[in-house]
Amino acid sequence: MVRKIIWNKKATLQFEIIQEHLLQKWGQHSERKFTVRVFDFLDLLKQYPFIGAIQYVNKDVRGFVLSSQTKLLYKVTANAIYILAFYDTRCDSEI
């Protein structure tokens, strides 16, 4: 079954903040590379929704490391995959 990807507002805002940070600090190439990596992962996630490790068992939230600094948190339901947040692995907090 192909599930649709649904981003919540928090994840969308965090993604945009990361993109802007990369653009300002490292340039368009780095920002584009990160953006492509995220959307390539989302394509993979549609095929293999349980690829990420369980992060919060009681909430059934999974996570996948996109880069050494960034983890994507998501939840799988019968009909959709919800993108919940981007997590900064350097400081153990959501971005």
N, C-alpha and C. Protein backbone atom coordinates (compact mmCIF):
# COMPACT_ATOMS: atom_id res chain seq x y z
N MET A 1 0.84 -1.18 0.00
CA MET A 1 0.00 0.00 0.00
C MET A 1 0.88 1.25 0.00
N VAL A 2 0.56 2.17 -0.86
CA VAL A 2 1.28 3.44 -0.91
C VAL A 2 0.59 4.41 0.04
N ARG A 3 1.35 4.89 0.98
CA ARG A 3 0.82 5.86 1.93
C ARG A 3 1.19 7.26 1.47
N LYS A 4 0.32 8.21 1.76
CA LYS A 4 0.66 9.59 1.42
C LYS A 4 1.51 10.18 2.55
N ILE A 5 2.32 11.16 2.20
CA ILE A 5 3.18 11.85 3.15
C ILE A 5 2.50 13.14 3.56
N ILE A 6 2.35 13.34 4.87
CA ILE A 6 1.73 14.55 5.40
C ILE A 6 2.71 15.21 6.37
N TRP A 7 3.06 16.43 6.07
CA TRP A 7 3.96 17.21 6.93
C TRP A 7 3.12 18.01 7.91
N ASN A 8 3.50 18.01 9.19
CA ASN A 8 2.82 18.92 10.11
C ASN A 8 3.50 20.29 10.03
N LYS A 9 2.88 21.29 10.62
CA LYS A 9 3.38 22.66 10.53
C LYS A 9 4.77 22.79 11.14
N LYS A 10 4.99 22.11 12.25
CA LYS A 10 6.27 22.20 12.94
C LYS A 10 7.40 21.67 12.05
N ALA A 11 7.20 20.52 11.44
CA ALA A 11 8.23 19.94 10.58
C ALA A 11 8.48 20.82 9.36
N THR A 12 7.43 21.38 8.80
CA THR A 12 7.58 22.26 7.64
C THR A 12 8.41 23.48 8.00
N LEU A 13 8.12 24.09 9.14
CA LEU A 13 8.88 25.26 9.59
C LEU A 13 10.34 24.88 9.86
N GLN A 14 10.57 23.76 10.53
CA GLN A 14 11.93 23.33 10.83
C GLN A 14 12.72 23.07 9.55
N PHE A 15 12.09 22.44 8.59
CA PHE A 15 12.73 22.16 7.30
C PHE A 15 13.13 23.47 6.62
N GLU A 16 12.25 24.44 6.62
CA GLU A 16 12.55 25.73 6.01
C GLU A 16 13.69 26.45 6.74
N ILE A 17 13.73 26.33 8.06
CA ILE A 17 14.81 26.94 8.85
C ILE A 17 16.14 26.30 8.50
N ILE A 18 16.17 24.98 8.39
CA ILE A 18 17.40 24.27 8.02
C ILE A 18 17.85 24.70 6.63
N GLN A 19 16.92 24.74 5.69
CA GLN A 19 17.26 25.17 4.33
C GLN A 19 17.87 26.57 4.33
N GLU A 20 17.27 27.49 5.05
CA GLU A 20 17.76 28.86 5.09
C GLU A 20 19.14 28.92 5.75
N HIS A 21 19.32 28.17 6.82
CA HIS A 21 20.62 28.13 7.50
C HIS A 21 21.71 27.61 6.56
N LEU A 22 21.42 26.53 5.87
CA LEU A 22 22.39 25.96 4.95
C LEU A 22 22.71 26.93 3.81
N LEU A 23 21.69 27.58 3.30
CA LEU A 23 21.87 28.53 2.22
C LEU A 23 22.76 29.70 2.66
N GLN A 24 22.48 30.24 3.84
CA GLN A 24 23.24 31.39 4.32
C GLN A 24 24.67 31.02 4.71
N LYS A 25 24.85 29.86 5.34
CA LYS A 25 26.17 29.50 5.85
C LYS A 25 27.04 28.76 4.83
N TRP A 26 26.43 27.89 4.03
CA TRP A 26 27.21 27.01 3.16
C TRP A 26 26.91 27.18 1.67
N GLY A 27 25.86 27.92 1.33
CA GLY A 27 25.57 28.18 -0.07
C GLY A 27 24.48 27.29 -0.65
N GLN A 28 24.13 27.63 -1.89
CA GLN A 28 23.02 26.96 -2.58
C GLN A 28 23.27 25.47 -2.79
N HIS A 29 24.50 25.08 -3.06
CA HIS A 29 24.80 23.67 -3.30
C HIS A 29 24.46 22.82 -2.07
N SER A 30 24.87 23.27 -0.89
CA SER A 30 24.59 22.51 0.34
C SER A 30 23.11 22.47 0.64
N GLU A 31 22.44 23.60 0.44
CA GLU A 31 21.00 23.64 0.69
C GLU A 31 20.27 22.69 -0.25
N ARG A 32 20.64 22.70 -1.51
CA ARG A 32 20.01 21.83 -2.50
C ARG A 32 20.29 20.36 -2.21
N LYS A 33 21.52 20.06 -1.82
CA LYS A 33 21.90 18.69 -1.50
C LYS A 33 21.05 18.14 -0.34
N PHE A 34 20.86 18.97 0.69
CA PHE A 34 20.03 18.56 1.82
C PHE A 34 18.58 18.35 1.39
N THR A 35 18.05 19.28 0.61
CA THR A 35 16.66 19.18 0.16
C THR A 35 16.44 17.91 -0.67
N VAL A 36 17.35 17.62 -1.57
CA VAL A 36 17.25 16.40 -2.38
C VAL A 36 17.32 15.17 -1.49
N ARG A 37 18.21 15.20 -0.49
CA ARG A 37 18.35 14.06 0.42
C ARG A 37 17.04 13.80 1.17
N VAL A 38 16.38 14.85 1.61
CA VAL A 38 15.11 14.70 2.33
C VAL A 38 14.05 14.09 1.41
N PHE A 39 13.89 14.62 0.21
CA PHE A 39 12.84 14.11 -0.68
C PHE A 39 13.16 12.73 -1.24
N ASP A 40 14.43 12.42 -1.42
CA ASP A 40 14.80 11.04 -1.78
C ASP A 40 14.43 10.08 -0.66
N PHE A 41 14.68 10.50 0.57
CA PHE A 41 14.31 9.66 1.71
C PHE A 41 12.79 9.47 1.77
N LEU A 42 12.03 10.53 1.52
CA LEU A 42 10.57 10.40 1.55
C LEU A 42 10.06 9.42 0.49
N ASP A 43 10.70 9.41 -0.67
CA ASP A 43 10.34 8.43 -1.70
C ASP A 43 10.63 7.01 -1.20
N LEU A 44 11.75 6.83 -0.54
CA LEU A 44 12.10 5.53 0.03
C LEU A 44 11.13 5.15 1.14
N LEU A 45 10.76 6.13 1.94
CA LEU A 45 9.85 5.90 3.06
C LEU A 45 8.48 5.40 2.60
N LYS A 46 8.03 5.87 1.46
CA LYS A 46 6.76 5.38 0.92
C LYS A 46 6.81 3.88 0.65
N GLN A 47 7.95 3.39 0.21
CA GLN A 47 8.11 1.97 -0.09
C GLN A 47 8.39 1.14 1.16
N TYR A 48 9.15 1.72 2.10
CA TYR A 48 9.57 1.00 3.31
C TYR A 48 9.28 1.87 4.53
N PRO A 49 8.03 1.99 4.92
CA PRO A 49 7.66 2.94 5.97
C PRO A 49 8.25 2.62 7.35
N PHE A 50 8.67 1.41 7.58
CA PHE A 50 9.19 1.05 8.90
C PHE A 50 10.71 0.99 8.93
N ILE A 51 11.36 1.68 7.98
CA ILE A 51 12.80 1.67 7.87
C ILE A 51 13.48 2.37 9.06
N GLY A 52 12.83 3.35 9.63
CA GLY A 52 13.42 4.10 10.75
C GLY A 52 13.31 3.35 12.06
N ALA A 53 14.22 3.65 12.96
CA ALA A 53 14.22 3.04 14.29
C ALA A 53 13.17 3.70 15.17
N ILE A 54 12.58 2.91 16.05
CA ILE A 54 11.61 3.44 17.01
C ILE A 54 12.32 4.42 17.93
N GLN A 55 11.77 5.62 18.07
CA GLN A 55 12.33 6.64 18.95
C GLN A 55 11.52 6.78 20.23
N TYR A 56 10.20 6.73 20.10
CA TYR A 56 9.30 6.84 21.24
C TYR A 56 8.28 5.70 21.13
N VAL A 57 8.50 4.65 21.90
CA VAL A 57 7.69 3.44 21.78
C VAL A 57 6.22 3.72 22.08
N ASN A 58 5.94 4.46 23.14
CA ASN A 58 4.55 4.68 23.52
C ASN A 58 3.77 5.51 22.50
N LYS A 59 4.48 6.26 21.65
CA LYS A 59 3.81 7.05 20.62
C LYS A 59 4.03 6.49 19.22
N ASP A 60 4.78 5.41 19.13
CA ASP A 60 5.10 4.75 17.86
C ASP A 60 5.73 5.73 16.86
N VAL A 61 6.63 6.56 17.37
CA VAL A 61 7.35 7.52 16.54
C VAL A 61 8.69 6.92 16.13
N ARG A 62 8.99 7.04 14.86
CA ARG A 62 10.24 6.52 14.31
C ARG A 62 11.15 7.66 13.90
N GLY A 63 12.44 7.34 13.79
CA GLY A 63 13.39 8.35 13.37
C GLY A 63 14.39 7.77 12.38
N PHE A 64 14.90 8.63 11.53
CA PHE A 64 15.89 8.22 10.54
C PHE A 64 16.93 9.33 10.42
N VAL A 65 18.21 8.96 10.50
CA VAL A 65 19.29 9.93 10.41
C VAL A 65 19.51 10.30 8.95
N LEU A 66 19.29 11.58 8.65
CA LEU A 66 19.46 12.09 7.29
C LEU A 66 20.89 12.56 7.05
N SER A 67 21.50 13.09 8.09
CA SER A 67 22.89 13.55 8.04
C SER A 67 23.45 13.42 9.45
N SER A 68 24.72 13.69 9.61
CA SER A 68 25.31 13.56 10.94
C SER A 68 24.71 14.55 11.93
N GLN A 69 24.05 15.58 11.44
CA GLN A 69 23.43 16.58 12.31
C GLN A 69 21.91 16.48 12.42
N THR A 70 21.28 15.79 11.50
CA THR A 70 19.82 15.88 11.40
C THR A 70 19.14 14.51 11.34
N LYS A 71 18.13 14.36 12.18
CA LYS A 71 17.30 13.16 12.18
C LYS A 71 15.86 13.60 11.88
N LEU A 72 15.16 12.82 11.09
CA LEU A 72 13.76 13.08 10.76
C LEU A 72 12.89 12.18 11.63
N LEU A 73 11.91 12.75 12.31
CA LEU A 73 10.98 11.98 13.13
C LEU A 73 9.65 11.88 12.39
N TYR A 74 9.07 10.67 12.40
CA TYR A 74 7.82 10.46 11.68
C TYR A 74 6.98 9.37 12.33
N LYS A 75 5.73 9.30 11.95
CA LYS A 75 4.79 8.29 12.46
C LYS A 75 4.05 7.67 11.28
N VAL A 76 3.90 6.37 11.32
CA VAL A 76 3.22 5.63 10.26
C VAL A 76 1.84 5.21 10.74
N THR A 77 0.82 5.49 9.91
CA THR A 77 -0.53 4.98 10.17
C THR A 77 -0.94 4.14 8.96
N ALA A 78 -2.14 3.63 9.00
CA ALA A 78 -2.60 2.76 7.92
C ALA A 78 -2.66 3.49 6.58
N ASN A 79 -2.97 4.77 6.59
CA ASN A 79 -3.16 5.50 5.34
C ASN A 79 -2.13 6.58 5.03
N ALA A 80 -1.30 6.92 6.02
CA ALA A 80 -0.39 8.05 5.82
C ALA A 80 0.88 7.90 6.64
N ILE A 81 1.87 8.67 6.24
CA ILE A 81 3.10 8.82 7.01
C ILE A 81 3.16 10.29 7.38
N TYR A 82 3.21 10.57 8.68
CA TYR A 82 3.22 11.93 9.17
C TYR A 82 4.65 12.35 9.49
N ILE A 83 5.11 13.41 8.86
CA ILE A 83 6.42 13.98 9.15
C ILE A 83 6.22 14.91 10.34
N LEU A 84 6.86 14.57 11.46
CA LEU A 84 6.60 15.27 12.72
C LEU A 84 7.61 16.37 13.04
N ALA A 85 8.89 16.08 12.83
CA ALA A 85 9.91 17.05 13.24
C ALA A 85 11.26 16.67 12.68
N PHE A 86 12.14 17.64 12.67
CA PHE A 86 13.55 17.42 12.40
C PHE A 86 14.26 17.58 13.74
N TYR A 87 15.19 16.70 14.01
CA TYR A 87 15.85 16.61 15.30
C TYR A 87 17.33 16.87 15.12
N ASP A 88 17.88 17.80 15.89
CA ASP A 88 19.30 18.12 15.82
C ASP A 88 20.07 17.14 16.70
N THR A 89 20.84 16.25 16.09
CA THR A 89 21.55 15.21 16.83
C THR A 89 22.70 15.75 17.65
N ARG A 90 23.14 16.97 17.40
CA ARG A 90 24.26 17.55 18.14
C ARG A 90 23.87 18.03 19.52
N CYS A 91 22.61 18.37 19.71
CA CYS A 91 22.22 18.92 21.01
C CYS A 91 21.01 18.21 21.61
N ASP A 92 20.65 17.05 21.08
CA ASP A 92 19.53 16.26 21.61
C ASP A 92 18.24 17.07 21.75
N SER A 93 17.94 17.85 20.74
CA SER A 93 16.69 18.59 20.76
C SER A 93 16.15 18.75 19.35
N GLU A 94 14.86 18.98 19.29
CA GLU A 94 14.28 19.26 17.98
C GLU A 94 14.80 20.61 17.54
N ILE A 95 14.98 20.76 16.26
CA ILE A 95 15.54 22.00 15.72
C ILE A 95 14.56 23.13 15.89
